[in-house]
Amino acid sequence: MRVLIVEDDVKLAGLIQRAVREQAALADVAHEGEDALWMADATPYDVIVLDVNLPGIDGFETCRRLRAARVPTPILMLTARASVTDRVTGLDTGADDYLVKPFDVVELLARIRALARRGPVTRGTVLSADDLSLDPGTQVVRRGGTRISLSTKEFQLLEVFMRRPGQVLSRYDLLEGAWDMAYENKSNVIDVYIRYLRNKIDRPFGMRTIETVRGAGYRLAAAAVLPSRAALAGYARGRATQASAPPSGRLPTVAAPRCAMAMAATRDSPSPLPGSRARLPRLKRWNARPAMSSAKPLP
């Protein structure tokens, strides 16, 4: 086990270092937050013991930068600031434990061992998927640099998705994660809030993040760009043209005019027998009628 001790008090840092070494572990010391940043990035520590009152950047900012740099090492904050506000701030910035001075060395060593057993942090305090981020502490959601305003229930539903990205979540899973047990799971409330989320985090940005998996549920997938309306219209026209085109190797058929069809029927009909009246087509009979005349008949 290897521990990084970030403490501006030289005597206290030496005391903690000796206590850790007596546990057959390695211990390095940094007296400033800036030194802790490059040391934690260069060396894979098992635990970081971090003071808050440091020269330069304080312990809160150091912890925040470590998590922003995706350093997964568990962090134990060791400080004289004992107010509830400071404890909440420390834990929300990414610390895994918080111990107030004065402290017992035996308890400090026990907490260090517990954090070392827990292993590296696999996920930071701010949940992210592509350019979509969600901060559970401040309840702030952003797409890129744009802040998105969500209702409480929309925020809770999005948090369920972002804690399990890429997984198909059924309606029951979403109800369990964002609603209490008294809610009736036969309602279509999930579909309604999925539409609300898409209208806020996807469509205004031309993206598609929440996918529908037919027969299974929904999934938070990698962001894809939605096609424009012009592209969709062109695709529809192409499908319509393809459906109306003749099969390969055949010429398109054109309907003949009705007049031409009547003339062809007259030409192809058999000759009438002597003394019989031939049944002419409608067009021919109309043409064979005698013209009306205004002349008087001969006496």
C-alpha atoms as a PDB file:
ATOM      1  CA  MET A   1       0.000   0.000   0.000  1.00  0.00           C
ATOM      2  CA  ARG A   2       1.226   3.507  -0.860  1.00  0.00           C
ATOM      3  CA  VAL A   3      -0.216   6.655   0.744  1.00  0.00           C
ATOM      4  CA  LEU A   4       0.150  10.319  -0.223  1.00  0.00           C
ATOM      5  CA  ILE A   5      -0.056  12.696   2.767  1.00  0.00           C
ATOM      6  CA  VAL A   6      -0.922  16.303   1.843  1.00  0.00           C
ATOM      7  CA  GLU A   7      -0.359  18.412   4.973  1.00  0.00           C
ATOM      8  CA  ASP A   8       1.178  21.892   5.390  1.00  0.00           C
ATOM      9  CA  ASP A   9       2.138  21.247   9.047  1.00  0.00           C
ATOM     10  CA  VAL A  10       5.588  19.657   8.775  1.00  0.00           C
ATOM     11  CA  LYS A  11       5.504  18.023  12.237  1.00  0.00           C
ATOM     12  CA  LEU A  12       2.039  16.556  11.789  1.00  0.00           C
ATOM     13  CA  ALA A  13       2.923  15.303   8.315  1.00  0.00           C
ATOM     14  CA  GLY A  14       6.010  13.566   9.701  1.00  0.00           C
ATOM     15  CA  LEU A  15       3.948  11.970  12.493  1.00  0.00           C
ATOM     16  CA  ILE A  16       1.397  10.540  10.046  1.00  0.00           C
ATOM     17  CA  GLN A  17       4.168   9.370   7.737  1.00  0.00           C
ATOM     18  CA  ARG A  18       5.892   7.420  10.523  1.00  0.00           C
ATOM     19  CA  ALA A  19       2.599   5.863  11.629  1.00  0.00           C
ATOM     20  CA  VAL A  20       1.842   4.695   8.083  1.00  0.00           C
ATOM     21  CA  ARG A  21       5.328   3.278   7.628  1.00  0.00           C
ATOM     22  CA  GLU A  22       4.941   1.284  10.843  1.00  0.00           C
ATOM     23  CA  GLN A  23       2.075  -0.492   9.062  1.00  0.00           C
ATOM     24  CA  ALA A  24       4.551  -1.761   6.430  1.00  0.00           C
ATOM     25  CA  ALA A  25       3.242   0.750   3.898  1.00  0.00           C
ATOM     26  CA  LEU A  26       4.887   3.456   1.788  1.00  0.00           C
ATOM     27  CA  ALA A  27       4.147   7.127   2.479  1.00  0.00           C
ATOM     28  CA  ASP A  28       5.008  10.290   0.513  1.00  0.00           C
ATOM     29  CA  VAL A  29       4.449  13.858   1.746  1.00  0.00           C
ATOM     30  CA  ALA A  30       3.343  17.008  -0.100  1.00  0.00           C
ATOM     31  CA  HIS A  31       2.958  20.370   1.645  1.00  0.00           C
ATOM     32  CA  GLU A  32       0.978  22.204  -1.074  1.00  0.00           C
ATOM     33  CA  GLY A  33      -2.006  21.402  -3.234  1.00  0.00           C
ATOM     34  CA  GLU A  34      -0.113  22.024  -6.465  1.00  0.00           C
ATOM     35  CA  ASP A  35       2.480  19.419  -5.491  1.00  0.00           C
ATOM     36  CA  ALA A  36      -0.261  16.939  -4.683  1.00  0.00           C
ATOM     37  CA  LEU A  37      -1.739  17.311  -8.173  1.00  0.00           C
ATOM     38  CA  TRP A  38       1.374  16.307 -10.098  1.00  0.00           C
ATOM     39  CA  MET A  39       2.398  13.632  -7.564  1.00  0.00           C
ATOM     40  CA  ALA A  40      -1.027  11.966  -7.694  1.00  0.00           C
ATOM     41  CA  ASP A  41      -0.955  12.077 -11.489  1.00  0.00           C
ATOM     42  CA  ALA A  42       2.542  10.586 -11.681  1.00  0.00           C
ATOM     43  CA  THR A  43       2.179   7.844  -9.035  1.00  0.00           C
ATOM     44  CA  PRO A  44      -0.700   5.365  -8.542  1.00  0.00           C
ATOM     45  CA  TYR A  45      -1.416   5.836  -4.819  1.00  0.00           C
ATOM     46  CA  ASP A  46      -3.832   3.637  -2.896  1.00  0.00           C
ATOM     47  CA  VAL A  47      -5.050   6.431  -0.564  1.00  0.00           C
ATOM     48  CA  ILE A  48      -4.602  10.217  -0.365  1.00  0.00           C
ATOM     49  CA  VAL A  49      -4.789  11.941   3.035  1.00  0.00           C
ATOM     50  CA  LEU A  50      -5.669  15.566   2.272  1.00  0.00           C
ATOM     51  CA  ASP A  51      -5.733  18.613   4.538  1.00  0.00           C
ATOM     52  CA  VAL A  52      -8.114  21.478   3.719  1.00  0.00           C
ATOM     53  CA  ASN A  53      -6.149  24.525   4.911  1.00  0.00           C
ATOM     54  CA  LEU A  54      -3.261  24.462   2.446  1.00  0.00           C
ATOM     55  CA  PRO A  55      -1.184  27.314   1.020  1.00  0.00           C
ATOM     56  CA  GLY A  56      -2.157  28.172  -2.554  1.00  0.00           C
ATOM     57  CA  ILE A  57      -5.167  26.118  -3.591  1.00  0.00           C
ATOM     58  CA  ASP A  58      -7.004  24.647  -0.590  1.00  0.00           C
ATOM     59  CA  GLY A  59      -7.960  21.037  -0.046  1.00  0.00           C
ATOM     60  CA  PHE A  60     -11.440  21.424  -1.538  1.00  0.00           C
ATOM     61  CA  GLU A  61     -10.070  22.786  -4.812  1.00  0.00           C
ATOM     62  CA  THR A  62      -7.286  20.185  -4.845  1.00  0.00           C
ATOM     63  CA  CYS A  63      -9.839  17.410  -4.476  1.00  0.00           C
ATOM     64  CA  ARG A  64     -12.025  18.920  -7.178  1.00  0.00           C
ATOM     65  CA  ARG A  65      -9.105  19.105  -9.606  1.00  0.00           C
ATOM     66  CA  LEU A  66      -8.030  15.560  -8.853  1.00  0.00           C
ATOM     67  CA  ARG A  67     -11.484  14.264  -9.709  1.00  0.00           C
ATOM     68  CA  ALA A  68     -11.680  16.466 -12.799  1.00  0.00           C
ATOM     69  CA  ALA A  69      -8.364  14.911 -13.916  1.00  0.00           C
ATOM     70  CA  ARG A  70      -9.993  11.483 -13.366  1.00  0.00           C
ATOM     71  CA  VAL A  71      -7.625  10.442 -10.576  1.00  0.00           C
ATOM     72  CA  PRO A  72      -9.518   7.477  -9.036  1.00  0.00           C
ATOM     73  CA  THR A  73      -7.557   7.239  -5.769  1.00  0.00           C
ATOM     74  CA  PRO A  74      -9.730   7.302  -2.602  1.00  0.00           C
ATOM     75  CA  ILE A  75      -9.328  10.575  -0.681  1.00  0.00           C
ATOM     76  CA  LEU A  76      -9.532  11.040   3.086  1.00  0.00           C
ATOM     77  CA  MET A  77      -9.894  14.668   4.179  1.00  0.00           C
ATOM     78  CA  LEU A  78      -8.128  15.402   7.456  1.00  0.00           C
ATOM     79  CA  THR A  79      -8.873  18.899   8.737  1.00  0.00           C
ATOM     80  CA  ALA A  80      -9.776  21.054  11.728  1.00  0.00           C
ATOM     81  CA  ARG A  81     -12.852  22.427   9.932  1.00  0.00           C
ATOM     82  CA  ALA A  82     -15.622  20.540  11.665  1.00  0.00           C
ATOM     83  CA  SER A  83     -18.802  22.309  10.556  1.00  0.00           C
ATOM     84  CA  VAL A  84     -21.478  20.351   8.762  1.00  0.00           C
ATOM     85  CA  THR A  85     -21.191  22.670   5.760  1.00  0.00           C
ATOM     86  CA  ASP A  86     -17.459  21.917   5.402  1.00  0.00           C
ATOM     87  CA  ARG A  87     -18.078  18.185   5.689  1.00  0.00           C
ATOM     88  CA  VAL A  88     -20.766  18.269   3.024  1.00  0.00           C
ATOM     89  CA  THR A  89     -18.562  20.391   0.769  1.00  0.00           C
ATOM     90  CA  GLY A  90     -15.639  18.019   1.146  1.00  0.00           C
ATOM     91  CA  LEU A  91     -17.677  14.923   0.364  1.00  0.00           C
ATOM     92  CA  ASP A  92     -19.458  16.571  -2.576  1.00  0.00           C
ATOM     93  CA  THR A  93     -16.179  17.686  -4.162  1.00  0.00           C
ATOM     94  CA  GLY A  94     -15.050  14.063  -4.356  1.00  0.00           C
ATOM     95  CA  ALA A  95     -13.693  12.990  -0.973  1.00  0.00           C
ATOM     96  CA  ASP A  96     -14.519   9.467   0.199  1.00  0.00           C
ATOM     97  CA  ASP A  97     -14.107  10.095   3.933  1.00  0.00           C
ATOM     98  CA  TYR A  98     -13.814  13.065   6.319  1.00  0.00           C
ATOM     99  CA  LEU A  99     -11.942  13.060   9.640  1.00  0.00           C
ATOM    100  CA  VAL A 100     -11.800  16.072  11.957  1.00  0.00           C
ATOM    101  CA  LYS A 101      -8.730  17.159  13.969  1.00  0.00           C
ATOM    102  CA  PRO A 102      -7.808  16.364  16.690  1.00  0.00           C
ATOM    103  CA  PHE A 103      -7.902  12.683  15.814  1.00  0.00           C
ATOM    104  CA  ASP A 104      -6.627   9.358  17.069  1.00  0.00           C
ATOM    105  CA  VAL A 105      -3.846   7.859  14.958  1.00  0.00           C
ATOM    106  CA  VAL A 106      -5.319   4.372  15.373  1.00  0.00           C
ATOM    107  CA  GLU A 107      -8.624   5.558  13.893  1.00  0.00           C
ATOM    108  CA  LEU A 108      -6.811   7.324  11.049  1.00  0.00           C
ATOM    109  CA  LEU A 109      -4.917   4.143  10.147  1.00  0.00           C
ATOM    110  CA  ALA A 110      -8.143   2.104  10.275  1.00  0.00           C
ATOM    111  CA  ARG A 111      -9.847   4.524   7.872  1.00  0.00           C
ATOM    112  CA  ILE A 112      -6.857   4.389   5.529  1.00  0.00           C
ATOM    113  CA  ARG A 113      -6.991   0.592   5.462  1.00  0.00           C
ATOM    114  CA  ALA A 114     -10.738   0.651   4.807  1.00  0.00           C
ATOM    115  CA  LEU A 115     -10.316   3.014   1.852  1.00  0.00           C
ATOM    116  CA  ALA A 116      -7.482   0.894   0.461  1.00  0.00           C
ATOM    117  CA  ARG A 117      -9.736  -2.187   0.567  1.00  0.00           C
ATOM    118  CA  ARG A 118     -12.461  -0.293  -1.247  1.00  0.00           C
ATOM    119  CA  GLY A 119     -10.160   0.351  -4.198  1.00  0.00           C
ATOM    120  CA  PRO A 120     -10.108   3.172  -6.752  1.00  0.00           C
ATOM    121  CA  VAL A 121     -13.184   5.254  -7.436  1.00  0.00           C
ATOM    122  CA  THR A 122     -14.664   4.145 -10.760  1.00  0.00           C
ATOM    123  CA  ARG A 123     -16.899   7.173 -11.255  1.00  0.00           C
ATOM    124  CA  GLY A 124     -16.439  10.842 -10.405  1.00  0.00           C
ATOM    125  CA  THR A 125     -18.829  13.091  -8.545  1.00  0.00           C
ATOM    126  CA  VAL A 126     -20.137  14.571 -11.814  1.00  0.00           C
ATOM    127  CA  LEU A 127     -21.839  11.998 -14.049  1.00  0.00           C
ATOM    128  CA  SER A 128     -21.105  12.442 -17.730  1.00  0.00           C
ATOM    129  CA  ALA A 129     -21.999  10.850 -21.057  1.00  0.00           C
ATOM    130  CA  ASP A 130     -20.379  12.442 -24.109  1.00  0.00           C
ATOM    131  CA  ASP A 131     -21.051  16.185 -23.730  1.00  0.00           C
ATOM    132  CA  LEU A 132     -23.977  15.655 -21.316  1.00  0.00           C
ATOM    133  CA  SER A 133     -23.098  16.127 -17.628  1.00  0.00           C
ATOM    134  CA  LEU A 134     -25.105  15.864 -14.412  1.00  0.00           C
ATOM    135  CA  ASP A 135     -23.957  17.010 -10.960  1.00  0.00           C
ATOM    136  CA  PRO A 136     -26.016  15.298  -8.203  1.00  0.00           C
ATOM    137  CA  GLY A 137     -24.683  17.692  -5.559  1.00  0.00           C
ATOM    138  CA  THR A 138     -25.720  20.937  -7.244  1.00  0.00           C
ATOM    139  CA  GLN A 139     -28.455  19.397  -9.452  1.00  0.00           C
ATOM    140  CA  VAL A 140     -26.994  21.078 -12.533  1.00  0.00           C
ATOM    141  CA  VAL A 141     -27.329  19.489 -15.988  1.00  0.00           C
ATOM    142  CA  ARG A 142     -25.353  20.736 -18.977  1.00  0.00           C
ATOM    143  CA  ARG A 143     -25.111  19.811 -22.636  1.00  0.00           C
ATOM    144  CA  GLY A 144     -21.717  21.088 -23.679  1.00  0.00           C
ATOM    145  CA  GLY A 145     -21.578  24.578 -22.201  1.00  0.00           C
ATOM    146  CA  THR A 146     -25.352  25.081 -22.110  1.00  0.00           C
ATOM    147  CA  ARG A 147     -27.178  24.677 -18.820  1.00  0.00           C
ATOM    148  CA  ILE A 148     -30.470  22.753 -19.029  1.00  0.00           C
ATOM    149  CA  SER A 149     -33.333  23.385 -16.629  1.00  0.00           C
ATOM    150  CA  LEU A 150     -35.075  20.167 -15.500  1.00  0.00           C
ATOM    151  CA  SER A 151     -37.844  19.463 -13.043  1.00  0.00           C
ATOM    152  CA  THR A 152     -37.088  17.315  -9.995  1.00  0.00           C
ATOM    153  CA  LYS A 153     -38.590  14.180 -11.519  1.00  0.00           C
ATOM    154  CA  GLU A 154     -36.854  14.740 -14.872  1.00  0.00           C
ATOM    155  CA  PHE A 155     -33.545  15.141 -13.028  1.00  0.00           C
ATOM    156  CA  GLN A 156     -34.102  11.923 -11.063  1.00  0.00           C
ATOM    157  CA  LEU A 157     -34.978   9.983 -14.210  1.00  0.00           C
ATOM    158  CA  LEU A 158     -31.921  11.288 -16.079  1.00  0.00           C
ATOM    159  CA  GLU A 159     -29.705  10.373 -13.119  1.00  0.00           C
ATOM    160  CA  VAL A 160     -30.942   6.772 -13.327  1.00  0.00           C
ATOM    161  CA  PHE A 161     -29.923   6.671 -16.992  1.00  0.00           C
ATOM    162  CA  MET A 162     -26.506   8.282 -16.411  1.00  0.00           C
ATOM    163  CA  ARG A 163     -25.589   5.925 -13.586  1.00  0.00           C
ATOM    164  CA  ARG A 164     -26.122   2.977 -15.957  1.00  0.00           C
ATOM    165  CA  PRO A 165     -25.089   4.237 -19.412  1.00  0.00           C
ATOM    166  CA  GLY A 166     -25.428   1.836 -22.311  1.00  0.00           C
ATOM    167  CA  GLN A 167     -27.694  -0.546 -20.382  1.00  0.00           C
ATOM    168  CA  VAL A 168     -31.258  -1.304 -21.445  1.00  0.00           C
ATOM    169  CA  LEU A 169     -33.560  -0.236 -18.610  1.00  0.00           C
ATOM    170  CA  SER A 170     -37.120  -1.513 -18.473  1.00  0.00           C
ATOM    171  CA  ARG A 171     -40.014   0.641 -17.323  1.00  0.00           C
ATOM    172  CA  TYR A 172     -39.913  -1.222 -14.021  1.00  0.00           C
ATOM    173  CA  ASP A 173     -36.216  -0.356 -13.560  1.00  0.00           C
ATOM    174  CA  LEU A 174     -36.931   3.321 -14.221  1.00  0.00           C
ATOM    175  CA  LEU A 175     -39.887   3.325 -11.825  1.00  0.00           C
ATOM    176  CA  GLU A 176     -37.750   1.710  -9.125  1.00  0.00           C
ATOM    177  CA  GLY A 177     -35.014   4.299  -9.596  1.00  0.00           C
ATOM    178  CA  ALA A 178     -37.027   7.515  -9.877  1.00  0.00           C
ATOM    179  CA  TRP A 179     -40.358   6.826  -8.120  1.00  0.00           C
ATOM    180  CA  ASP A 180     -41.247   5.505  -4.686  1.00  0.00           C
ATOM    181  CA  MET A 181     -42.755   2.094  -4.056  1.00  0.00           C
ATOM    182  CA  ALA A 182     -46.306   3.423  -3.721  1.00  0.00           C
ATOM    183  CA  TYR A 183     -46.508   4.406  -7.374  1.00  0.00           C
ATOM    184  CA  GLU A 184     -48.653   2.346  -9.727  1.00  0.00           C
ATOM    185  CA  ASN A 185     -46.369   0.787 -12.332  1.00  0.00           C
ATOM    186  CA  LYS A 186     -49.148   0.301 -14.888  1.00  0.00           C
ATOM    187  CA  SER A 187     -49.232   3.989 -15.773  1.00  0.00           C
ATOM    188  CA  ASN A 188     -47.622   5.466 -18.881  1.00  0.00           C
ATOM    189  CA  VAL A 189     -45.796   8.071 -16.804  1.00  0.00           C
ATOM    190  CA  ILE A 190     -42.417   6.714 -17.958  1.00  0.00           C
ATOM    191  CA  ASP A 191     -43.240   7.363 -21.620  1.00  0.00           C
ATOM    192  CA  VAL A 192     -44.435  10.872 -20.756  1.00  0.00           C
ATOM    193  CA  TYR A 193     -41.251  11.818 -18.896  1.00  0.00           C
ATOM    194  CA  ILE A 194     -39.038  10.235 -21.554  1.00  0.00           C
ATOM    195  CA  ARG A 195     -40.682  12.595 -24.037  1.00  0.00           C
ATOM    196  CA  TYR A 196     -40.095  15.517 -21.673  1.00  0.00           C
ATOM    197  CA  LEU A 197     -36.400  14.619 -21.383  1.00  0.00           C
ATOM    198  CA  ARG A 198     -35.947  14.259 -25.128  1.00  0.00           C
ATOM    199  CA  ASN A 199     -37.543  17.658 -25.681  1.00  0.00           C
ATOM    200  CA  LYS A 200     -35.004  19.237 -23.302  1.00  0.00           C
ATOM    201  CA  ILE A 201     -31.700  17.375 -23.644  1.00  0.00           C
ATOM    202  CA  ASP A 202     -31.858  16.046 -27.221  1.00  0.00           C
ATOM    203  CA  ARG A 203     -34.066  17.856 -29.720  1.00  0.00           C
ATOM    204  CA  PRO A 204     -32.938  21.468 -29.005  1.00  0.00           C
ATOM    205  CA  PHE A 205     -29.356  20.354 -29.747  1.00  0.00           C
ATOM    206  CA  GLY A 206     -30.148  18.144 -32.740  1.00  0.00           C
ATOM    207  CA  MET A 207     -28.976  15.049 -30.837  1.00  0.00           C
ATOM    208  CA  ARG A 208     -30.403  11.636 -29.998  1.00  0.00           C
ATOM    209  CA  THR A 209     -29.263  10.245 -26.647  1.00  0.00           C
ATOM    210  CA  ILE A 210     -32.196   8.285 -25.193  1.00  0.00           C
ATOM    211  CA  GLU A 211     -33.015   5.356 -27.468  1.00  0.00           C
ATOM    212  CA  THR A 212     -36.133   3.207 -27.474  1.00  0.00           C
ATOM    213  CA  VAL A 213     -35.438  -0.533 -27.445  1.00  0.00           C
ATOM    214  CA  ARG A 214     -38.656  -2.107 -28.675  1.00  0.00           C
ATOM    215  CA  GLY A 215     -40.075  -4.686 -26.315  1.00  0.00           C
ATOM    216  CA  ALA A 216     -37.396  -4.027 -23.686  1.00  0.00           C
ATOM    217  CA  GLY A 217     -37.312  -0.393 -22.553  1.00  0.00           C
ATOM    218  CA  TYR A 218     -34.943   2.543 -23.012  1.00  0.00           C
ATOM    219  CA  ARG A 219     -31.195   3.067 -23.177  1.00  0.00           C
ATOM    220  CA  LEU A 220     -28.809   6.006 -22.771  1.00  0.00           C
ATOM    221  CA  ALA A 221     -26.568   5.550 -25.801  1.00  0.00           C
ATOM    222  CA  ALA A 222     -23.774   7.527 -27.400  1.00  0.00           C
ATOM    223  CA  ALA A 223     -25.074  10.808 -28.773  1.00  0.00           C
ATOM    224  CA  ALA A 224     -26.033  10.683 -32.445  1.00  0.00           C
ATOM    225  CA  VAL A 225     -26.902  13.627 -34.676  1.00  0.00           C
ATOM    226  CA  LEU A 226     -30.535  13.726 -35.723  1.00  0.00           C
ATOM    227  CA  PRO A 227     -31.141  14.052 -39.497  1.00  0.00           C
ATOM    228  CA  SER A 228     -32.510  17.398 -40.655  1.00  0.00           C
ATOM    229  CA  ARG A 229     -36.032  17.831 -42.056  1.00  0.00           C
ATOM    230  CA  ALA A 230     -34.644  18.350 -45.556  1.00  0.00           C
ATOM    231  CA  ALA A 231     -32.741  15.057 -45.320  1.00  0.00           C
ATOM    232  CA  LEU A 232     -35.846  13.232 -44.133  1.00  0.00           C
ATOM    233  CA  ALA A 233     -37.919  14.699 -46.990  1.00  0.00           C
ATOM    234  CA  GLY A 234     -35.290  13.673 -49.532  1.00  0.00           C
ATOM    235  CA  TYR A 235     -35.209  10.168 -48.091  1.00  0.00           C
ATOM    236  CA  ALA A 236     -39.016   9.900 -48.387  1.00  0.00           C
ATOM    237  CA  ARG A 237     -38.943  11.083 -52.002  1.00  0.00           C
ATOM    238  CA  GLY A 238     -36.252   8.538 -52.820  1.00  0.00           C
ATOM    239  CA  ARG A 239     -38.288   5.712 -51.315  1.00  0.00           C
ATOM    240  CA  ALA A 240     -41.383   6.778 -53.256  1.00  0.00           C
ATOM    241  CA  THR A 241     -39.432   6.887 -56.529  1.00  0.00           C
ATOM    242  CA  GLN A 242     -37.913   3.494 -55.854  1.00  0.00           C
ATOM    243  CA  ALA A 243     -41.343   1.969 -55.139  1.00  0.00           C
ATOM    244  CA  SER A 244     -42.848   3.314 -58.397  1.00  0.00           C
ATOM    245  CA  ALA A 245     -39.925   2.311 -60.650  1.00  0.00           C
ATOM    246  CA  PRO A 246     -40.442  -0.748 -62.976  1.00  0.00           C
ATOM    247  CA  PRO A 247     -38.591  -3.987 -62.261  1.00  0.00           C
ATOM    248  CA  SER A 248     -35.082  -4.268 -63.620  1.00  0.00           C
ATOM    249  CA  GLY A 249     -34.978  -5.126 -67.371  1.00  0.00           C
ATOM    250  CA  ARG A 250     -38.582  -4.061 -68.148  1.00  0.00           C
ATOM    251  CA  LEU A 251     -39.825  -0.927 -69.807  1.00  0.00           C
ATOM    252  CA  PRO A 252     -42.500   1.093 -68.094  1.00  0.00           C
ATOM    253  CA  THR A 253     -46.025   0.602 -69.433  1.00  0.00           C
ATOM    254  CA  VAL A 254     -48.080   3.604 -70.528  1.00  0.00           C
ATOM    255  CA  ALA A 255     -51.874   3.449 -70.633  1.00  0.00           C
ATOM    256  CA  ALA A 256     -53.281   4.003 -74.152  1.00  0.00           C
ATOM    257  CA  PRO A 257     -56.015   6.640 -74.740  1.00  0.00           C
ATOM    258  CA  ARG A 258     -59.604   5.390 -74.834  1.00  0.00           C
ATOM    259  CA  CYS A 259     -60.053   6.626 -78.411  1.00  0.00           C
ATOM    260  CA  ALA A 260     -57.110   4.587 -79.616  1.00  0.00           C
ATOM    261  CA  MET A 261     -58.449   1.517 -77.832  1.00  0.00           C
ATOM    262  CA  ALA A 262     -61.839   1.856 -79.581  1.00  0.00           C
ATOM    263  CA  MET A 263     -60.252   2.217 -82.999  1.00  0.00           C
ATOM    264  CA  ALA A 264     -58.118  -0.845 -82.430  1.00  0.00           C
ATOM    265  CA  ALA A 265     -61.157  -2.863 -81.421  1.00  0.00           C
ATOM    266  CA  THR A 266     -62.965  -1.857 -84.639  1.00  0.00           C
ATOM    267  CA  ARG A 267     -60.018  -2.718 -86.816  1.00  0.00           C
ATOM    268  CA  ASP A 268     -59.482  -6.116 -85.254  1.00  0.00           C
ATOM    269  CA  SER A 269     -63.200  -7.164 -85.222  1.00  0.00           C
ATOM    270  CA  PRO A 270     -64.373  -9.765 -87.841  1.00  0.00           C
ATOM    271  CA  SER A 271     -66.207  -8.597 -91.041  1.00  0.00           C
ATOM    272  CA  PRO A 272     -70.033  -8.757 -90.818  1.00  0.00           C
ATOM    273  CA  LEU A 273     -72.014 -11.309 -92.823  1.00  0.00           C
ATOM    274  CA  PRO A 274     -74.179 -10.142 -95.775  1.00  0.00           C
ATOM    275  CA  GLY A 275     -77.594  -8.940 -94.644  1.00  0.00           C
ATOM    276  CA  SER A 276     -76.578  -8.607 -90.976  1.00  0.00           C
ATOM    277  CA  ARG A 277     -75.997  -5.500 -88.924  1.00  0.00           C
ATOM    278  CA  ALA A 278     -72.612  -5.303 -87.442  1.00  0.00           C
ATOM    279  CA  ARG A 279     -72.400  -4.227 -83.822  1.00  0.00           C
ATOM    280  CA  LEU A 280     -70.031  -1.340 -83.967  1.00  0.00           C
ATOM    281  CA  PRO A 281     -68.202   0.080 -80.977  1.00  0.00           C
ATOM    282  CA  ARG A 282     -69.680   3.088 -79.200  1.00  0.00           C
ATOM    283  CA  LEU A 283     -67.379   5.486 -80.968  1.00  0.00           C
ATOM    284  CA  LYS A 284     -68.231   4.105 -84.439  1.00  0.00           C
ATOM    285  CA  ARG A 285     -71.987   4.068 -83.853  1.00  0.00           C
ATOM    286  CA  TRP A 286     -71.864   7.646 -82.738  1.00  0.00           C
ATOM    287  CA  ASN A 287     -69.899   8.559 -85.861  1.00  0.00           C
ATOM    288  CA  ALA A 288     -72.327   6.574 -88.140  1.00  0.00           C
ATOM    289  CA  ARG A 289     -75.449   8.500 -87.161  1.00  0.00           C
ATOM    290  CA  PRO A 290     -76.787  10.602 -90.079  1.00  0.00           C
ATOM    291  CA  ALA A 291     -76.302  14.249 -89.801  1.00  0.00           C
ATOM    292  CA  MET A 292     -79.398  16.274 -89.041  1.00  0.00           C
ATOM    293  CA  SER A 293     -80.612  18.367 -92.020  1.00  0.00           C
ATOM    294  CA  SER A 294     -83.107  21.179 -92.223  1.00  0.00           C
ATOM    295  CA  ALA A 295     -84.057  20.434 -95.951  1.00  0.00           C
ATOM    296  CA  LYS A 296     -87.591  19.290 -96.601  1.00  0.00           C
ATOM    297  CA  PRO A 297     -88.198  15.795 -98.136  1.00  0.00           C
ATOM    298  CA  LEU A 298     -89.067  15.516-101.804  1.00  0.00           C
ATOM    299  CA  PRO A 299     -92.765  14.952-102.652  1.00  0.00           C
END
